[in-house]
C-alpha atoms as a PDB file:
ATOM      1  CA  UNK A   1     246.969 219.532 136.952  1.00  0.00           C
ATOM      2  CA  UNK A   2     245.177 217.362 134.366  1.00  0.00           C
ATOM      3  CA  UNK A   3     247.208 218.199 131.317  1.00  0.00           C
ATOM      4  CA  UNK A   4     250.434 217.429 133.195  1.00  0.00           C
ATOM      5  CA  UNK A   5     249.039 213.901 134.214  1.00  0.00           C
ATOM      6  CA  UNK A   6     247.916 213.428 130.673  1.00  0.00           C
ATOM      7  CA  UNK A   7     251.432 214.402 129.347  1.00  0.00           C
ATOM      8  CA  UNK A   8     253.134 211.961 131.766  1.00  0.00           C
ATOM      9  CA  UNK A   9     250.803 209.163 130.646  1.00  0.00           C
ATOM     10  CA  UNK A  10     251.473 209.913 127.075  1.00  0.00           C
ATOM     11  CA  UNK A  11     255.194 210.003 127.528  1.00  0.00           C
ATOM     12  CA  UNK A  12     255.022 206.705 129.508  1.00  0.00           C
ATOM     13  CA  UNK A  13     253.025 205.082 126.544  1.00  0.00           C
ATOM     14  CA  UNK A  14     255.696 206.515 124.098  1.00  0.00           C
ATOM     15  CA  UNK A  15     258.503 205.089 126.214  1.00  0.00           C
ATOM     16  CA  UNK A  16     256.970 201.740 126.273  1.00  0.00           C
ATOM     17  CA  UNK A  17     256.091 201.943 122.523  1.00  0.00           C
ATOM     18  CA  UNK A  18     259.814 202.675 121.934  1.00  0.00           C
ATOM     19  CA  UNK A  19     261.061 199.784 124.151  1.00  0.00           C
ATOM     20  CA  UNK A  20     258.810 197.392 122.556  1.00  0.00           C
ATOM     21  CA  UNK A  21     259.010 198.691 118.931  1.00  0.00           C
ATOM     22  CA  UNK A  22     262.612 199.677 118.472  1.00  0.00           C
ATOM     23  CA  UNK A  23     264.218 196.371 119.667  1.00  0.00           C
ATOM     24  CA  UNK A  24     261.945 194.514 117.125  1.00  0.00           C
ATOM     25  CA  UNK A  25     259.927 192.762 119.839  1.00  0.00           C
ATOM     26  CA  UNK A  26     256.677 193.389 118.007  1.00  0.00           C
ATOM     27  CA  UNK A  27     254.162 191.885 120.406  1.00  0.00           C
ATOM     28  CA  UNK A  28     251.262 193.000 118.195  1.00  0.00           C
ATOM     29  CA  UNK A  29     249.147 194.490 121.048  1.00  0.00           C
ATOM     30  CA  UNK A  30     250.255 198.163 120.098  1.00  0.00           C
ATOM     31  CA  UNK A  31     250.237 199.027 116.533  1.00  0.00           C
ATOM     32  CA  UNK A  32     249.274 202.000 114.367  1.00  0.00           C
ATOM     33  CA  UNK A  33     245.681 201.947 112.915  1.00  0.00           C
ATOM     34  CA  UNK A  34     246.014 204.645 110.235  1.00  0.00           C
ATOM     35  CA  UNK A  35     247.966 204.868 106.932  1.00  0.00           C
ATOM     36  CA  UNK A  36     249.866 208.014 108.249  1.00  0.00           C
ATOM     37  CA  UNK A  37     250.709 206.092 111.508  1.00  0.00           C
ATOM     38  CA  UNK A  38     251.933 203.106 109.561  1.00  0.00           C
ATOM     39  CA  UNK A  39     254.005 205.278 107.423  1.00  0.00           C
ATOM     40  CA  UNK A  40     255.438 207.097 110.349  1.00  0.00           C
ATOM     41  CA  UNK A  41     256.342 203.668 112.028  1.00  0.00           C
ATOM     42  CA  UNK A  42     258.265 202.635 108.920  1.00  0.00           C
ATOM     43  CA  UNK A  43     260.171 205.912 108.800  1.00  0.00           C
ATOM     44  CA  UNK A  44     260.743 205.767 112.529  1.00  0.00           C
ATOM     45  CA  UNK A  45     262.045 202.246 112.424  1.00  0.00           C
ATOM     46  CA  UNK A  46     264.510 203.226 109.521  1.00  0.00           C
ATOM     47  CA  UNK A  47     266.259 205.521 111.968  1.00  0.00           C
ATOM     48  CA  UNK A  48     265.100 204.160 115.226  1.00  0.00           C
ATOM     49  CA  UNK A  49     266.217 200.565 114.864  1.00  0.00           C
ATOM     50  CA  UNK A  50     269.819 201.310 113.966  1.00  0.00           C
ATOM     51  CA  UNK A  51     269.982 203.982 116.770  1.00  0.00           C
ATOM     52  CA  UNK A  52     268.587 201.445 119.251  1.00  0.00           C
ATOM     53  CA  UNK A  53     271.116 198.799 118.141  1.00  0.00           C
ATOM     54  CA  UNK A  54     273.883 201.523 118.818  1.00  0.00           C
ATOM     55  CA  UNK A  55     272.415 202.140 122.083  1.00  0.00           C
ATOM     56  CA  UNK A  56     272.158 198.508 123.194  1.00  0.00           C
ATOM     57  CA  UNK A  57     275.753 198.066 121.924  1.00  0.00           C
ATOM     58  CA  UNK A  58     276.973 201.105 124.074  1.00  0.00           C
ATOM     59  CA  UNK A  59     275.096 199.751 127.213  1.00  0.00           C
ATOM     60  CA  UNK A  60     276.703 196.285 126.532  1.00  0.00           C
ATOM     61  CA  UNK A  61     280.214 197.887 126.205  1.00  0.00           C
ATOM     62  CA  UNK A  62     279.643 199.742 129.376  1.00  0.00           C
ATOM     63  CA  UNK A  63     278.616 196.463 131.225  1.00  0.00           C
ATOM     64  CA  UNK A  64     281.649 194.714 129.657  1.00  0.00           C
ATOM     65  CA  UNK A  65     283.907 197.613 130.785  1.00  0.00           C
ATOM     66  CA  UNK A  66     282.835 197.199 134.272  1.00  0.00           C
ATOM     67  CA  UNK A  67     283.452 193.601 134.206  1.00  0.00           C
ATOM     68  CA  UNK A  68     286.846 194.157 132.853  1.00  0.00           C
ATOM     69  CA  UNK A  69     287.626 196.868 135.447  1.00  0.00           C
ATOM     70  CA  UNK A  70     286.634 194.446 138.240  1.00  0.00           C
ATOM     71  CA  UNK A  71     288.943 191.735 136.744  1.00  0.00           C
ATOM     72  CA  UNK A  72     291.730 194.201 136.652  1.00  0.00           C
ATOM     73  CA  UNK A  73     291.217 195.302 140.214  1.00  0.00           C
ATOM     74  CA  UNK A  74     291.242 191.599 141.384  1.00  0.00           C
ATOM     75  CA  UNK A  75     294.401 191.037 139.306  1.00  0.00           C
ATOM     76  CA  UNK A  76     296.172 193.786 141.142  1.00  0.00           C
ATOM     77  CA  UNK A  77     294.900 193.025 144.511  1.00  0.00           C
ATOM     78  CA  UNK A  78     295.466 189.214 144.559  1.00  0.00           C
ATOM     79  CA  UNK A  79     298.099 189.079 141.808  1.00  0.00           C
ATOM     80  CA  UNK A  80     295.820 186.661 139.792  1.00  0.00           C
ATOM     81  CA  UNK A  81     296.119 186.649 136.053  1.00  0.00           C
ATOM     82  CA  UNK A  82     293.693 184.493 134.365  1.00  0.00           C
ATOM     83  CA  UNK A  83     291.796 183.497 137.346  1.00  0.00           C
ATOM     84  CA  UNK A  84     290.534 187.010 137.989  1.00  0.00           C
ATOM     85  CA  UNK A  85     289.124 187.394 134.418  1.00  0.00           C
ATOM     86  CA  UNK A  86     287.448 183.992 134.598  1.00  0.00           C
ATOM     87  CA  UNK A  87     286.034 184.670 137.990  1.00  0.00           C
ATOM     88  CA  UNK A  88     284.692 188.092 137.181  1.00  0.00           C
ATOM     89  CA  UNK A  89     283.128 186.853 133.854  1.00  0.00           C
ATOM     90  CA  UNK A  90     281.473 183.927 135.682  1.00  0.00           C
ATOM     91  CA  UNK A  91     280.181 186.416 138.409  1.00  0.00           C
ATOM     92  CA  UNK A  92     278.854 188.764 135.663  1.00  0.00           C
ATOM     93  CA  UNK A  93     277.126 185.764 133.939  1.00  0.00           C
ATOM     94  CA  UNK A  94     275.552 184.597 137.183  1.00  0.00           C
ATOM     95  CA  UNK A  95     274.479 188.198 138.186  1.00  0.00           C
ATOM     96  CA  UNK A  96     272.952 188.732 134.808  1.00  0.00           C
ATOM     97  CA  UNK A  97     271.238 185.451 134.774  1.00  0.00           C
ATOM     98  CA  UNK A  98     269.654 186.261 138.155  1.00  0.00           C
ATOM     99  CA  UNK A  99     268.785 189.941 137.242  1.00  0.00           C
ATOM    100  CA  UNK A 100     267.517 189.258 133.746  1.00  0.00           C
ATOM    101  CA  UNK A 101     266.241 185.701 133.653  1.00  0.00           C
ATOM    102  CA  UNK A 102     265.827 183.955 136.967  1.00  0.00           C
ATOM    103  CA  UNK A 103     264.317 186.650 139.384  1.00  0.00           C
ATOM    104  CA  UNK A 104     262.023 188.519 136.981  1.00  0.00           C
ATOM    105  CA  UNK A 105     259.663 185.474 136.764  1.00  0.00           C
ATOM    106  CA  UNK A 106     258.976 186.085 140.468  1.00  0.00           C
ATOM    107  CA  UNK A 107     257.883 189.591 139.841  1.00  0.00           C
ATOM    108  CA  UNK A 108     255.739 188.417 136.813  1.00  0.00           C
ATOM    109  CA  UNK A 109     254.146 185.654 139.058  1.00  0.00           C
ATOM    110  CA  UNK A 110     253.234 188.225 141.593  1.00  0.00           C
ATOM    111  CA  UNK A 111     252.017 191.070 139.251  1.00  0.00           C
ATOM    112  CA  UNK A 112     250.470 188.957 136.303  1.00  0.00           C
ATOM    113  CA  UNK A 113     249.507 185.750 138.114  1.00  0.00           C
ATOM    114  CA  UNK A 114     251.722 183.676 135.756  1.00  0.00           C
ATOM    115  CA  UNK A 115     253.573 180.547 136.898  1.00  0.00           C
ATOM    116  CA  UNK A 116     257.370 180.674 137.276  1.00  0.00           C
ATOM    117  CA  UNK A 117     257.851 178.811 134.065  1.00  0.00           C
ATOM    118  CA  UNK A 118     255.642 181.268 132.203  1.00  0.00           C
ATOM    119  CA  UNK A 119     257.513 184.139 133.545  1.00  0.00           C
ATOM    120  CA  UNK A 120     260.762 182.641 132.704  1.00  0.00           C
ATOM    121  CA  UNK A 121     259.457 181.971 129.197  1.00  0.00           C
ATOM    122  CA  UNK A 122     258.315 185.515 128.871  1.00  0.00           C
ATOM    123  CA  UNK A 123     261.695 186.742 129.971  1.00  0.00           C
ATOM    124  CA  UNK A 124     263.708 184.794 127.581  1.00  0.00           C
ATOM    125  CA  UNK A 125     261.312 185.434 124.596  1.00  0.00           C
ATOM    126  CA  UNK A 126     261.202 189.101 125.316  1.00  0.00           C
ATOM    127  CA  UNK A 127     264.981 189.550 125.774  1.00  0.00           C
ATOM    128  CA  UNK A 128     265.833 187.459 122.723  1.00  0.00           C
ATOM    129  CA  UNK A 129     263.678 189.772 120.698  1.00  0.00           C
ATOM    130  CA  UNK A 130     261.542 186.902 119.546  1.00  0.00           C
ATOM    131  CA  UNK A 131     258.311 188.507 121.103  1.00  0.00           C
ATOM    132  CA  UNK A 132     255.517 186.178 120.187  1.00  0.00           C
ATOM    133  CA  UNK A 133     252.871 188.289 121.963  1.00  0.00           C
ATOM    134  CA  UNK A 134     251.328 185.195 123.786  1.00  0.00           C
ATOM    135  CA  UNK A 135     252.403 186.863 127.154  1.00  0.00           C
ATOM    136  CA  UNK A 136     252.400 190.681 127.439  1.00  0.00           C
ATOM    137  CA  UNK A 137     252.846 192.494 130.903  1.00  0.00           C
ATOM    138  CA  UNK A 138     250.237 194.752 132.275  1.00  0.00           C
ATOM    139  CA  UNK A 139     247.395 193.870 129.983  1.00  0.00           C
ATOM    140  CA  UNK A 140     245.097 191.823 132.266  1.00  0.00           C
ATOM    141  CA  UNK A 141     241.959 193.977 132.983  1.00  0.00           C
ATOM    142  CA  UNK A 142     241.417 192.041 136.163  1.00  0.00           C
ATOM    143  CA  UNK A 143     244.653 193.117 137.719  1.00  0.00           C
ATOM    144  CA  UNK A 144     245.781 196.463 139.165  1.00  0.00           C
ATOM    145  CA  UNK A 145     249.389 197.361 138.267  1.00  0.00           C
ATOM    146  CA  UNK A 146     251.537 199.849 140.227  1.00  0.00           C
ATOM    147  CA  UNK A 147     252.641 202.955 138.282  1.00  0.00           C
ATOM    148  CA  UNK A 148     256.284 201.979 138.332  1.00  0.00           C
ATOM    149  CA  UNK A 149     255.705 198.516 136.882  1.00  0.00           C
ATOM    150  CA  UNK A 150     255.797 199.114 133.158  1.00  0.00           C
ATOM    151  CA  UNK A 151     258.651 201.535 133.343  1.00  0.00           C
ATOM    152  CA  UNK A 152     260.807 199.220 135.343  1.00  0.00           C
ATOM    153  CA  UNK A 153     259.981 196.418 132.849  1.00  0.00           C
ATOM    154  CA  UNK A 154     260.885 198.711 130.015  1.00  0.00           C
ATOM    155  CA  UNK A 155     264.279 199.345 131.650  1.00  0.00           C
ATOM    156  CA  UNK A 156     264.714 195.754 132.378  1.00  0.00           C
ATOM    157  CA  UNK A 157     264.058 194.884 128.704  1.00  0.00           C
ATOM    158  CA  UNK A 158     266.720 197.515 127.565  1.00  0.00           C
ATOM    159  CA  UNK A 159     269.434 196.320 129.951  1.00  0.00           C
ATOM    160  CA  UNK A 160     268.475 192.764 129.708  1.00  0.00           C
ATOM    161  CA  UNK A 161     268.696 192.818 125.821  1.00  0.00           C
ATOM    162  CA  UNK A 162     272.148 194.377 126.082  1.00  0.00           C
ATOM    163  CA  UNK A 163     273.247 191.752 128.543  1.00  0.00           C
ATOM    164  CA  UNK A 164     271.922 188.946 126.483  1.00  0.00           C
ATOM    165  CA  UNK A 165     273.704 190.352 123.458  1.00  0.00           C
ATOM    166  CA  UNK A 166     276.931 190.336 125.393  1.00  0.00           C
ATOM    167  CA  UNK A 167     276.289 186.625 126.358  1.00  0.00           C
ATOM    168  CA  UNK A 168     275.626 185.628 122.752  1.00  0.00           C
ATOM    169  CA  UNK A 169     278.728 187.622 121.646  1.00  0.00           C
ATOM    170  CA  UNK A 170     280.740 185.682 124.153  1.00  0.00           C
ATOM    171  CA  UNK A 171     279.375 182.414 122.949  1.00  0.00           C
ATOM    172  CA  UNK A 172     280.011 183.328 119.285  1.00  0.00           C
ATOM    173  CA  UNK A 173     283.750 184.303 120.236  1.00  0.00           C
ATOM    174  CA  UNK A 174     284.214 181.030 122.192  1.00  0.00           C
ATOM    175  CA  UNK A 175     282.768 179.027 119.161  1.00  0.00           C
ATOM    176  CA  UNK A 176     285.075 180.729 116.713  1.00  0.00           C
END
């Protein structure tokens, strides 16, 4: 009944708090208002941020492993050496660009009423953990949001940050 619904709502708020707080996004629209709450956030961050970085690293490594496995299968099937690796890395980059930066702005345009450019800006600022807070999803009181919306966006943030971290790592390796 009512307590189950309240519990689900509380767990959704907690999940969204974690996915916005732990990656260091800090939009500023959700914050503790008591001294005890602020102390809890400090202690939570001391353990939560390193654990979140480990989680993002693991997700990124799983993504990388998938790319490497695909490259290996192509090498075996077509007897390509360097071409398969380059092809798969390019496909992974393009797929990530589509999933994490180029397609989400269409969803934000529909659900938030933002322009494509505003949605793209939000996507990059969020996934890069800059998080200015000038655009925040699901906060317009004039709009009705589906139940799944904020949870899907939370997952998008988690996987998108891992993907962007991989891209940055590739760029650093290339520059070195």
